[in-house]
Amino acid sequence: MQSAERGDPIYGTASAGTLWVLLELGGAWGHSAFLQSPSIIDPDLGLSIVRRVEKQRMRIVAIRRPGRRPQAPRWRWFIVDSTPGAESVHAGEVDGPAGYLDLALDGSDGAPSTEPLVAVCAHGKHDQCCAVRGRAATASIASAYPEWTWECSHLGGDRFAATGLILPHGLCYGRLDTAVDPASIVELYTQGRLVDSLLRGRTSLPHAVQAAQHFARVETGDDRIDSFAPIDVTHVDGRIRVRLTGHVGPVDVVLGEEFSEPLFSMCQANVAGRVRQFTLDSIAFGQVAAT
């Protein structure tokens, strides 16, 4: 919990990803779920799958059901487009891991799904914090939404563990285990709302836009997922101007950038580094922000 104790800003830190490929790998993962889990998937096959997906500029994530592993493995998959306004989920199942290599990456091998996906990082071999905090958060959410909930491999931002995604909207959350009831975040999602205090951002949007949306929500209290869509981003005199849609006209947010003091970004990190953070210079509703 060093990140929370330091007061690291959580907004504007969501891992990038618009197109997602989630593949079920039941069992214990190595440091790299696809390349170092030989009891589940041949490393050469895993490498071929990863390369094929990443060549299409898609994010690949391993998933598994929380709790005790079934004796008979299953090989379910989801292909998700989190483009704002065009969100979609396609789902299917193959007979074995080799089937993942031949999937149509537009999702056409499966069927459209209207159900959301909740994926919480519990990748302990990548970072122990994710195992401890992620599994606790996953269990809490799965108790309310068992069909939607999965443990997943590394998402980035380990210092914000427990981290998770709600798809197809690509809402990236952190510190999920600190919520009074992590499942309530999913309940709000079904109502088209979000929890800004734990939201890292929307994965399909640039970090500056994620931060600008955060400041707009703080000012207005508007927690609807689709509020404050981005219109334009410009860089002027070392600052970032983000224009968002608003109720009575555009919202103009001017951001500054700064770097933190050196910090450890993972539980297992032994080299400290600085991370970028956004600050609010000004915000104006219905008019261009003053310089």
Protein backbone atom coordinates (compact mmCIF):
# COMPACT_ATOMS: atom_id res chain seq x y z
CA MET A 1 0.00 0.00 0.00
CA GLN A 2 2.99 2.34 -0.35
CA SER A 3 1.35 4.02 -3.33
CA ALA A 4 -1.71 5.01 -1.28
CA GLU A 5 0.44 6.08 1.67
CA ARG A 6 2.48 8.34 -0.62
CA GLY A 7 -0.68 9.71 -2.15
CA ASP A 8 0.28 8.74 -5.70
CA PRO A 9 -2.40 10.08 -8.05
CA ILE A 10 -4.34 7.19 -9.53
CA TYR A 11 -6.01 9.14 -12.35
CA GLY A 12 -4.41 9.26 -15.77
CA THR A 13 -2.55 5.96 -15.32
CA ALA A 14 -4.68 3.38 -17.16
CA SER A 15 -2.75 0.95 -19.32
CA ALA A 16 -3.29 1.56 -23.04
CA GLY A 17 -5.56 -0.80 -24.94
CA THR A 18 -8.49 -0.46 -27.33
CA LEU A 19 -8.65 -3.97 -28.78
CA TRP A 20 -8.31 -6.83 -26.30
CA VAL A 21 -7.85 -10.59 -26.65
CA LEU A 22 -8.56 -12.51 -23.45
CA LEU A 23 -7.64 -16.20 -23.52
CA GLU A 24 -8.36 -18.73 -20.80
CA LEU A 25 -5.29 -20.43 -19.34
CA GLY A 26 -6.40 -22.34 -16.27
CA GLY A 27 -3.71 -23.13 -13.73
CA ALA A 28 -0.55 -21.56 -12.33
CA TRP A 29 1.15 -18.94 -14.50
CA GLY A 30 4.86 -18.22 -14.74
CA HIS A 31 6.27 -14.70 -14.88
CA SER A 32 4.96 -14.54 -18.45
CA ALA A 33 1.63 -16.37 -18.59
CA PHE A 34 1.96 -17.36 -22.24
CA LEU A 35 5.70 -17.96 -22.41
CA GLN A 36 6.54 -19.45 -19.02
CA SER A 37 3.62 -21.70 -18.09
CA PRO A 38 4.69 -25.00 -19.71
CA SER A 39 2.23 -27.11 -17.72
CA ILE A 40 -0.59 -25.20 -19.43
CA ILE A 41 0.70 -24.12 -22.83
CA ASP A 42 3.78 -24.94 -24.89
CA PRO A 43 6.05 -21.86 -24.76
CA ASP A 44 6.61 -21.88 -28.54
CA LEU A 45 2.87 -21.96 -29.15
CA GLY A 46 2.39 -19.21 -26.59
CA LEU A 47 4.99 -17.05 -28.29
CA SER A 48 3.33 -17.54 -31.68
CA ILE A 49 -0.05 -16.56 -30.25
CA VAL A 50 1.34 -13.46 -28.54
CA ARG A 51 3.20 -12.34 -31.65
CA ARG A 52 0.15 -12.78 -33.86
CA VAL A 53 -2.08 -10.78 -31.53
CA GLU A 54 0.43 -8.01 -30.86
CA LYS A 55 1.17 -7.68 -34.60
CA GLN A 56 -2.43 -6.48 -34.91
CA ARG A 57 -1.80 -3.98 -32.10
CA MET A 58 -4.15 -5.79 -29.76
CA ARG A 59 -3.62 -6.37 -26.04
CA ILE A 60 -3.44 -10.02 -25.03
CA VAL A 61 -4.33 -11.13 -21.50
CA ALA A 62 -4.53 -14.55 -19.88
CA ILE A 63 -7.63 -15.22 -17.80
CA ARG A 64 -8.77 -17.95 -15.42
CA ARG A 65 -11.69 -18.47 -13.10
CA PRO A 66 -11.03 -17.63 -9.44
CA GLY A 67 -11.04 -20.36 -6.85
CA ARG A 68 -10.26 -24.03 -7.22
CA ARG A 69 -9.15 -25.09 -10.69
CA PRO A 70 -11.43 -27.57 -12.52
CA GLN A 71 -9.94 -30.96 -13.38
CA ALA A 72 -10.96 -30.65 -17.03
CA PRO A 73 -9.49 -27.46 -18.52
CA ARG A 74 -11.53 -25.20 -20.73
CA TRP A 75 -10.27 -22.82 -23.39
CA ARG A 76 -12.68 -19.89 -23.56
CA TRP A 77 -11.83 -16.64 -25.29
CA PHE A 78 -13.10 -13.10 -25.65
CA ILE A 79 -12.27 -10.46 -28.23
CA VAL A 80 -13.22 -6.98 -27.10
CA ASP A 81 -13.38 -3.61 -28.83
CA SER A 82 -13.41 -0.82 -26.25
CA THR A 83 -13.63 2.06 -28.74
CA PRO A 84 -15.97 4.63 -27.12
CA GLY A 85 -19.37 4.39 -28.75
CA ALA A 86 -18.51 1.14 -30.55
CA GLU A 87 -17.88 -1.21 -27.63
CA SER A 88 -18.36 -4.90 -28.37
CA VAL A 89 -17.59 -8.35 -26.99
CA HIS A 90 -17.32 -11.57 -29.00
CA ALA A 91 -16.94 -14.85 -27.15
CA GLY A 92 -16.23 -18.47 -27.96
CA GLU A 93 -14.39 -21.63 -26.96
CA VAL A 94 -11.82 -23.88 -28.62
CA ASP A 95 -10.79 -27.45 -27.95
CA GLY A 96 -7.26 -26.67 -26.79
CA PRO A 97 -4.61 -23.95 -26.71
CA ALA A 98 -3.59 -24.59 -30.34
CA GLY A 99 -7.02 -23.31 -31.32
CA TYR A 100 -6.08 -19.85 -30.09
CA LEU A 101 -3.52 -19.54 -32.87
CA ASP A 102 -6.21 -19.73 -35.56
CA LEU A 103 -8.81 -17.43 -34.02
CA ALA A 104 -10.25 -14.77 -36.29
CA LEU A 105 -9.12 -11.65 -34.45
CA ASP A 106 -12.24 -9.74 -35.48
CA GLY A 107 -14.23 -12.07 -33.22
CA SER A 108 -16.21 -13.61 -36.07
CA ASP A 109 -15.40 -17.16 -34.92
CA GLY A 110 -17.53 -16.53 -31.85
CA ALA A 111 -20.83 -14.94 -30.96
CA PRO A 112 -21.60 -11.39 -29.83
CA SER A 113 -22.09 -11.06 -26.09
CA THR A 114 -23.91 -8.37 -24.17
CA GLU A 115 -22.40 -9.36 -20.83
CA PRO A 116 -19.52 -7.37 -19.33
CA LEU A 117 -16.18 -8.85 -18.35
CA VAL A 118 -14.47 -8.09 -15.05
CA ALA A 119 -10.78 -9.03 -15.07
CA VAL A 120 -8.70 -8.48 -11.93
CA CYS A 121 -4.94 -8.98 -11.98
CA ALA A 122 -3.90 -11.86 -9.74
CA HIS A 123 -0.59 -12.61 -11.45
CA GLY A 124 1.53 -13.47 -8.44
CA LYS A 125 4.64 -14.60 -10.35
CA HIS A 126 4.76 -11.14 -11.93
CA ASP A 127 4.17 -9.23 -8.69
CA GLN A 128 3.25 -10.63 -5.29
CA CYS A 129 1.02 -7.65 -4.45
CA CYS A 130 -1.24 -8.59 -7.34
CA ALA A 131 -1.62 -12.11 -5.99
CA VAL A 132 -2.53 -11.04 -2.47
CA ARG A 133 -4.69 -8.01 -3.19
CA GLY A 134 -5.99 -9.12 -6.56
CA ARG A 135 -7.31 -12.45 -5.38
CA ALA A 136 -9.12 -10.86 -2.46
CA ALA A 137 -10.82 -8.34 -4.75
CA THR A 138 -11.65 -11.01 -7.31
CA ALA A 139 -13.27 -13.24 -4.71
CA SER A 140 -15.42 -10.36 -3.48
CA ILE A 141 -16.60 -9.46 -6.96
CA ALA A 142 -17.11 -13.09 -8.01
CA SER A 143 -19.41 -13.67 -5.05
CA ALA A 144 -21.86 -11.25 -6.66
CA TYR A 145 -21.02 -11.67 -10.34
CA PRO A 146 -19.56 -15.17 -10.81
CA GLU A 147 -20.19 -15.41 -14.55
CA TRP A 148 -18.54 -12.08 -15.33
CA THR A 149 -15.48 -12.31 -13.12
CA TRP A 150 -12.00 -13.57 -13.99
CA GLU A 151 -8.50 -13.42 -12.61
CA CYS A 152 -6.13 -12.07 -15.24
CA SER A 153 -2.45 -11.72 -16.02
CA HIS A 154 -0.38 -8.55 -15.72
CA LEU A 155 -2.18 -5.31 -16.63
CA GLY A 156 0.47 -2.77 -15.59
CA GLY A 157 0.39 -0.30 -12.72
CA ASP A 158 1.26 -2.84 -10.04
CA ARG A 159 1.73 -0.07 -7.46
CA PHE A 160 -2.05 0.39 -7.65
CA ALA A 161 -2.86 -3.26 -6.88
CA ALA A 162 -5.45 -4.59 -6.86
CA THR A 163 -5.86 -3.50 -10.48
CA GLY A 164 -8.67 -4.54 -12.78
CA LEU A 165 -10.58 -3.95 -15.98
CA ILE A 166 -14.26 -3.70 -16.71
CA LEU A 167 -14.88 -4.44 -20.36
CA PRO A 168 -16.04 -3.61 -22.95
CA HIS A 169 -15.75 0.02 -21.82
CA GLY A 170 -12.13 -0.44 -20.79
CA LEU A 171 -12.50 1.07 -17.33
CA CYS A 172 -9.20 0.47 -15.55
CA TYR A 173 -9.41 0.51 -11.75
CA GLY A 174 -6.82 0.40 -9.00
CA ARG A 175 -6.82 -0.25 -5.26
CA LEU A 176 -9.93 -2.36 -5.72
CA ASP A 177 -9.29 -4.18 -2.46
CA THR A 178 -9.67 -0.89 -0.56
CA ALA A 179 -13.27 -0.43 -1.67
CA VAL A 180 -15.84 -1.12 1.03
CA ASP A 181 -17.50 -3.49 -1.43
CA PRO A 182 -15.60 -4.09 -4.68
CA ALA A 183 -18.70 -5.65 -6.23
CA SER A 184 -20.51 -2.31 -5.88
CA ILE A 185 -18.20 -0.90 -8.57
CA VAL A 186 -19.56 -3.50 -10.99
CA GLU A 187 -23.12 -2.76 -9.90
CA LEU A 188 -22.59 0.92 -10.71
CA TYR A 189 -21.12 -0.07 -14.06
CA THR A 190 -24.38 -1.82 -14.96
CA GLN A 191 -26.05 1.55 -14.34
CA GLY A 192 -23.63 3.37 -16.65
CA ARG A 193 -21.70 4.92 -13.77
CA LEU A 194 -18.15 4.74 -12.42
CA VAL A 195 -16.19 5.28 -9.20
CA ASP A 196 -13.81 8.13 -9.95
CA SER A 197 -11.75 7.85 -6.75
CA LEU A 198 -10.50 4.39 -7.80
CA LEU A 199 -10.52 4.89 -11.56
CA ARG A 200 -7.14 4.96 -13.28
CA GLY A 201 -8.81 5.88 -16.55
CA ARG A 202 -10.31 4.50 -19.70
CA THR A 203 -7.81 2.34 -21.57
CA SER A 204 -8.81 3.55 -25.03
CA LEU A 205 -8.01 7.18 -24.21
CA PRO A 206 -4.64 8.98 -23.90
CA HIS A 207 -3.38 9.55 -20.36
CA ALA A 208 -3.90 13.31 -20.58
CA VAL A 209 -7.56 12.78 -21.52
CA GLN A 210 -7.98 10.36 -18.63
CA ALA A 211 -6.64 13.00 -16.26
CA ALA A 212 -8.77 15.77 -17.75
CA GLN A 213 -11.90 13.68 -17.35
CA HIS A 214 -11.01 13.09 -13.71
CA PHE A 215 -10.76 16.81 -13.01
CA ALA A 216 -14.06 17.45 -14.82
CA ARG A 217 -15.77 14.80 -12.70
CA VAL A 218 -14.35 16.26 -9.50
CA GLU A 219 -15.71 19.69 -10.43
CA THR A 220 -19.17 18.49 -11.45
CA GLY A 221 -19.80 15.25 -9.55
CA ASP A 222 -20.87 13.67 -12.85
CA ASP A 223 -20.05 9.95 -12.60
CA ARG A 224 -21.57 8.75 -15.86
CA ILE A 225 -19.23 6.63 -17.95
CA ASP A 226 -19.90 8.43 -21.21
CA SER A 227 -19.70 12.01 -19.93
CA PHE A 228 -16.83 14.28 -21.00
CA ALA A 229 -15.91 12.63 -24.29
CA PRO A 230 -12.69 14.05 -25.76
CA ILE A 231 -12.89 16.58 -28.59
CA ASP A 232 -9.32 17.77 -28.99
CA VAL A 233 -5.88 17.64 -27.36
CA THR A 234 -3.22 20.29 -28.01
CA HIS A 235 0.20 21.04 -26.52
CA VAL A 236 0.92 24.73 -25.90
CA ASP A 237 3.83 26.29 -24.00
CA GLY A 238 4.62 23.14 -22.06
CA ARG A 239 1.02 22.54 -21.06
CA ILE A 240 -1.66 20.20 -22.38
CA ARG A 241 -5.07 21.56 -23.34
CA VAL A 242 -7.82 18.95 -23.40
CA ARG A 243 -11.26 19.89 -24.69
CA LEU A 244 -14.12 17.64 -23.58
CA THR A 245 -17.83 17.60 -24.30
CA GLY A 246 -20.00 19.16 -21.60
CA HIS A 247 -23.68 19.71 -20.82
CA VAL A 248 -23.82 23.36 -21.90
CA GLY A 249 -20.74 23.56 -24.07
CA PRO A 250 -17.20 22.27 -24.21
CA VAL A 251 -15.11 21.82 -21.09
CA ASP A 252 -11.54 23.06 -21.43
CA VAL A 253 -8.97 21.56 -19.10
CA VAL A 254 -5.38 22.76 -18.99
CA LEU A 255 -2.93 20.29 -17.48
CA GLY A 256 0.62 20.54 -16.29
CA GLU A 257 3.05 17.63 -16.14
CA GLU A 258 5.50 16.80 -13.43
CA PHE A 259 7.56 13.82 -12.34
CA SER A 260 7.38 12.18 -8.95
CA GLU A 261 10.22 11.61 -6.59
CA PRO A 262 11.91 8.24 -7.28
CA LEU A 263 9.61 5.42 -6.19
CA PHE A 264 9.29 1.66 -6.44
CA SER A 265 6.56 0.83 -8.95
CA MET A 266 6.26 -2.85 -7.98
CA CYS A 267 6.39 -4.87 -4.77
CA GLN A 268 9.43 -6.69 -6.10
CA ALA A 269 11.14 -3.65 -7.62
CA ASN A 270 14.68 -2.84 -6.47
CA VAL A 271 15.32 0.19 -8.65
CA ALA A 272 13.38 3.40 -7.99
CA GLY A 273 12.19 5.54 -10.86
CA ARG A 274 10.21 8.69 -11.47
CA VAL A 275 6.71 8.53 -12.94
CA ARG A 276 4.75 11.17 -14.81
CA GLN A 277 1.86 12.86 -13.04
CA PHE A 278 -0.70 15.40 -14.21
CA THR A 279 -1.71 18.56 -12.36
CA LEU A 280 -4.64 20.86 -12.97
CA ASP A 281 -3.76 24.36 -14.18
CA SER A 282 -7.28 25.50 -15.03
CA ILE A 283 -10.70 24.27 -16.01
CA ALA A 284 -13.48 26.21 -17.73
CA PHE A 285 -17.00 25.19 -18.65
CA GLY A 286 -18.62 26.46 -21.83
CA GLN A 287 -15.68 28.66 -22.80
CA VAL A 288 -11.99 28.49 -23.63
CA ALA A 289 -9.84 28.31 -20.51
CA ALA A 290 -7.78 31.39 -19.76
CA THR A 291 -4.02 31.21 -20.17
